[in-house]
Amino acid sequence: MPQDNPREPENSITWLSYDEAAEALGVSRARVKRLVENKDLGSRFQDGQRRIPDVFLRDGQPLQHLRGTLISLHDAGYGDDEACTWMLTPNDMVGATPIDALRQSRKTIVRQAVQMLAF
């Protein structure tokens, strides 16, 4: 399981293919695609295909509060790749990467940081 400490976007992250994410979640590849389309999971082009960061999963489920955060990022004008990168990049307002803050149940500070993007 990934550690819950700040990291640079490319360090300590395993990028899962849709098939690997489907196996980790116990669902079909088509279901993973729908989860990404519905913003339950985020993905980014990595190594020539869309991949999901393993830190977006916990205990065989999409991370709690990830969907609302991804929707808020899209509302602020971020595309899928940009939203995924933002979640994995250290943020001064959050004091960690936004995904690490969500993994620590610090949803409010992450959502506040997203709100600041709209201005």
Foldseek 3Di string as FASTA:
>chain_A
DFDLFFDALPPRWDWADLCRLCVLLVHDSVVSVVCCVQQLFAWAQDPNHTTGTPLLDDPSGGQPPRSVLLVLLVVLPDDRHRSSNQQRHQDPQQRGRVSSCSVVVNNVSSSVVSVVSND
